[in-house]
């Protein structure tokens, strides 16, 4: 029997597939079952996140990039700004608080930071425990994963420049922090279909829907 070569995936999908994906994105954006945060609360959080990013003596939280970055560890940037690696748990915290209608002040954030109360991880690894100052875990907040949701970001939060966190441009880290933690840049999809939150057609549509 002659061997059959597996074809290479095409660079673009057929028009009918693209249309179906766009229709799925529109349906999800408009469906009543998708949790939404009130616009006034989103505006409140946008102002908070901007002020937080501009307040030099408050930590900037950075979604963990590499295996050597201990979540919850306080890292000194070359500018003197404190950085704290974390996972998506902090985004869960922000979304849940905003969905409940909570609008923290910068003083509230400062108290939470001083008390090391902000959640940084679902679970900490053994090597992280002696390094981390922030140890609050996801079980201290309402768990969106257990409720069947996945948190997605409308605009990418990835940091694509190489190098250690302490040496990356501070403006890049501030932009990452704003996109990472602002509920206005988040939306939920069913965890069962979590991959659909990464589809370009979904992201394009969700950028125009609250």
Protein backbone atom coordinates (compact mmCIF):
# COMPACT_ATOMS: atom_id res chain seq x y z
CA UNK A 1 0.00 0.00 0.00
CA UNK A 2 1.35 3.42 -0.99
CA UNK A 3 1.99 5.78 1.88
CA UNK A 4 -0.19 8.87 2.19
CA UNK A 5 1.44 12.15 3.12
CA UNK A 6 -0.28 14.26 5.75
CA UNK A 7 -1.04 17.64 4.16
CA UNK A 8 0.32 20.85 5.59
CA UNK A 9 -2.27 23.00 7.34
CA UNK A 10 -3.23 25.92 5.05
CA UNK A 11 -2.20 29.41 6.06
CA UNK A 12 -5.77 30.64 5.79
CA UNK A 13 -9.06 28.82 6.28
CA UNK A 14 -11.84 28.58 3.69
CA UNK A 15 -14.26 31.51 3.65
CA UNK A 16 -17.16 29.44 4.97
CA UNK A 17 -15.07 28.41 8.01
CA UNK A 18 -13.99 32.00 8.67
CA UNK A 19 -17.60 33.17 8.44
CA UNK A 20 -18.71 30.48 10.89
CA UNK A 21 -16.01 31.48 13.38
CA UNK A 22 -17.01 35.15 13.10
CA UNK A 23 -20.66 34.22 13.62
CA UNK A 24 -19.72 32.21 16.72
CA UNK A 25 -17.82 35.21 18.08
CA UNK A 26 -20.78 37.54 17.48
CA UNK A 27 -23.22 35.13 19.11
CA UNK A 28 -21.00 34.76 22.18
CA UNK A 29 -20.42 38.50 22.45
CA UNK A 30 -24.18 39.15 22.50
CA UNK A 31 -25.49 36.18 24.48
CA UNK A 32 -27.12 36.96 27.82
CA UNK A 33 -25.26 34.17 29.61
CA UNK A 34 -21.86 35.88 29.17
CA UNK A 35 -21.01 37.66 32.46
CA UNK A 36 -20.57 41.41 32.00
CA UNK A 37 -19.24 44.17 34.24
CA UNK A 38 -21.12 47.46 34.41
CA UNK A 39 -19.47 50.20 32.31
CA UNK A 40 -19.24 52.61 35.27
CA UNK A 41 -17.32 49.98 37.24
CA UNK A 42 -14.99 49.32 34.30
CA UNK A 43 -14.23 53.04 34.11
CA UNK A 44 -13.51 53.09 37.85
CA UNK A 45 -11.05 50.21 37.49
CA UNK A 46 -9.38 51.80 34.46
CA UNK A 47 -8.68 54.91 36.54
CA UNK A 48 -7.43 52.76 39.42
CA UNK A 49 -5.10 50.70 37.21
CA UNK A 50 -3.68 53.85 35.60
CA UNK A 51 -3.01 55.40 39.01
CA UNK A 52 -1.55 52.15 40.33
CA UNK A 53 0.83 51.88 37.38
CA UNK A 54 1.95 55.49 37.92
CA UNK A 55 2.50 55.12 41.69
CA UNK A 56 6.18 54.28 41.87
CA UNK A 57 6.18 52.86 45.39
CA UNK A 58 3.48 50.27 44.59
CA UNK A 59 4.41 46.86 43.17
CA UNK A 60 3.77 46.12 39.53
CA UNK A 61 2.43 42.59 39.08
CA UNK A 62 3.67 40.71 36.03
CA UNK A 63 2.20 37.48 34.75
CA UNK A 64 4.94 34.91 35.15
CA UNK A 65 7.05 34.34 32.05
CA UNK A 66 9.64 31.70 32.90
CA UNK A 67 10.28 28.82 35.23
CA UNK A 68 12.90 30.79 37.17
CA UNK A 69 10.47 33.59 38.09
CA UNK A 70 9.04 32.72 41.51
CA UNK A 71 5.45 33.84 41.85
CA UNK A 72 5.00 36.09 44.85
CA UNK A 73 8.66 37.10 44.95
CA UNK A 74 9.42 40.82 45.08
CA UNK A 75 12.01 41.67 42.40
CA UNK A 76 13.78 45.02 42.22
CA UNK A 77 13.73 46.60 38.78
CA UNK A 78 16.72 48.67 37.69
CA UNK A 79 14.56 51.78 38.17
CA UNK A 80 13.89 50.82 41.79
CA UNK A 81 10.29 49.79 41.10
CA UNK A 82 9.20 46.55 42.78
CA UNK A 83 7.92 43.76 40.50
CA UNK A 84 5.97 40.68 41.56
CA UNK A 85 5.59 37.71 39.19
CA UNK A 86 2.20 35.98 39.41
CA UNK A 87 -0.13 33.82 37.35
CA UNK A 88 -3.62 34.63 36.05
CA UNK A 89 -5.00 34.42 39.60
CA UNK A 90 -4.67 38.17 40.07
CA UNK A 91 -6.72 38.76 36.90
CA UNK A 92 -9.40 36.47 38.40
CA UNK A 93 -9.36 38.59 41.56
CA UNK A 94 -9.80 41.82 39.59
CA UNK A 95 -12.60 40.45 37.40
CA UNK A 96 -14.54 39.00 40.34
CA UNK A 97 -14.23 42.21 42.37
CA UNK A 98 -15.34 44.34 39.42
CA UNK A 99 -18.24 42.00 38.61
CA UNK A 100 -19.45 42.42 42.19
CA UNK A 101 -19.37 46.17 41.67
CA UNK A 102 -16.39 46.81 43.94
CA UNK A 103 -14.27 49.87 43.09
CA UNK A 104 -11.17 49.88 45.33
CA UNK A 105 -9.28 53.10 45.95
CA UNK A 106 -5.52 53.38 45.61
CA UNK A 107 -5.42 53.44 49.43
CA UNK A 108 -7.27 50.10 49.49
CA UNK A 109 -4.68 48.66 47.11
CA UNK A 110 -1.82 50.02 49.19
CA UNK A 111 -3.22 48.34 52.32
CA UNK A 112 -3.61 45.04 50.46
CA UNK A 113 -0.07 45.27 49.12
CA UNK A 114 1.39 46.19 52.52
CA UNK A 115 -0.40 43.21 54.10
CA UNK A 116 0.65 40.97 51.17
CA UNK A 117 -3.00 39.99 50.68
CA UNK A 118 -3.28 40.03 46.89
CA UNK A 119 -3.57 36.52 45.39
CA UNK A 120 -0.65 35.56 43.15
CA UNK A 121 -1.07 31.87 42.32
CA UNK A 122 -3.36 28.88 42.15
CA UNK A 123 -0.67 26.87 43.94
CA UNK A 124 2.98 27.56 44.73
CA UNK A 125 5.82 25.21 43.85
CA UNK A 126 8.35 24.08 46.42
CA UNK A 127 11.15 26.26 45.03
CA UNK A 128 8.91 29.35 45.25
CA UNK A 129 8.01 29.06 48.93
CA UNK A 130 11.30 30.37 50.42
CA UNK A 131 11.39 33.22 47.88
CA UNK A 132 7.86 34.58 47.86
CA UNK A 133 6.48 37.36 50.07
CA UNK A 134 2.98 37.22 48.57
CA UNK A 135 1.49 33.82 49.37
CA UNK A 136 -2.25 34.31 49.00
CA UNK A 137 -3.67 31.62 46.71
CA UNK A 138 -6.69 31.45 44.44
CA UNK A 139 -8.77 29.59 47.05
CA UNK A 140 -9.09 32.90 48.88
CA UNK A 141 -11.25 34.30 46.06
CA UNK A 142 -14.22 33.07 44.06
CA UNK A 143 -12.75 30.51 41.67
CA UNK A 144 -13.85 31.25 38.12
CA UNK A 145 -12.43 27.95 36.88
CA UNK A 146 -14.58 25.99 39.32
CA UNK A 147 -17.57 27.99 38.11
CA UNK A 148 -16.81 26.82 34.60
CA UNK A 149 -15.25 30.01 33.19
CA UNK A 150 -11.92 30.94 31.65
CA UNK A 151 -10.56 34.51 31.77
CA UNK A 152 -9.32 35.83 28.42
CA UNK A 153 -7.74 39.15 27.45
CA UNK A 154 -9.06 41.20 24.55
CA UNK A 155 -5.64 42.74 23.78
CA UNK A 156 -2.56 40.56 24.17
CA UNK A 157 -0.65 41.01 27.42
CA UNK A 158 2.45 39.10 26.33
CA UNK A 159 5.92 40.54 26.84
CA UNK A 160 7.90 39.57 23.78
CA UNK A 161 11.26 41.13 24.63
CA UNK A 162 13.97 38.80 25.99
CA UNK A 163 15.80 39.37 29.23
CA UNK A 164 15.18 39.27 32.94
CA UNK A 165 12.21 41.12 34.41
CA UNK A 166 14.49 43.46 36.34
CA UNK A 167 16.04 44.76 33.11
CA UNK A 168 13.05 45.03 30.77
CA UNK A 169 11.92 48.58 29.87
CA UNK A 170 9.73 49.81 32.72
CA UNK A 171 7.21 51.32 30.29
CA UNK A 172 6.73 47.89 28.71
CA UNK A 173 6.10 46.39 32.13
CA UNK A 174 3.61 49.13 33.02
CA UNK A 175 1.72 48.54 29.77
CA UNK A 176 1.70 44.80 30.43
CA UNK A 177 0.40 45.42 33.97
CA UNK A 178 -2.44 47.64 32.72
CA UNK A 179 -3.55 45.16 30.07
CA UNK A 180 -3.16 42.22 32.43
CA UNK A 181 -5.13 43.62 35.35
CA UNK A 182 -7.77 45.90 33.81
CA UNK A 183 -11.18 44.16 33.79
CA UNK A 184 -12.03 46.24 30.70
CA UNK A 185 -9.48 44.08 28.85
CA UNK A 186 -11.04 40.82 30.05
CA UNK A 187 -13.92 38.62 29.00
CA UNK A 188 -15.06 35.14 29.99
CA UNK A 189 -15.65 32.07 27.87
CA UNK A 190 -16.80 28.61 28.97
CA UNK A 191 -13.83 26.69 30.32
CA UNK A 192 -14.98 23.67 28.32
CA UNK A 193 -14.36 25.68 25.14
CA UNK A 194 -11.53 27.83 26.50
CA UNK A 195 -9.59 27.74 23.24
CA UNK A 196 -12.24 29.81 21.52
CA UNK A 197 -11.13 32.78 23.61
CA UNK A 198 -7.83 32.78 21.68
CA UNK A 199 -9.37 32.74 18.19
CA UNK A 200 -8.47 35.87 16.20
CA UNK A 201 -12.12 36.22 15.12
CA UNK A 202 -13.25 36.08 18.77
CA UNK A 203 -10.69 38.65 19.88
CA UNK A 204 -11.59 40.98 17.02
CA UNK A 205 -15.28 40.89 17.93
CA UNK A 206 -14.76 41.09 21.71
CA UNK A 207 -12.68 44.28 21.34
CA UNK A 208 -15.89 46.02 20.27
CA UNK A 209 -18.15 44.58 23.00
CA UNK A 210 -18.16 45.27 26.74
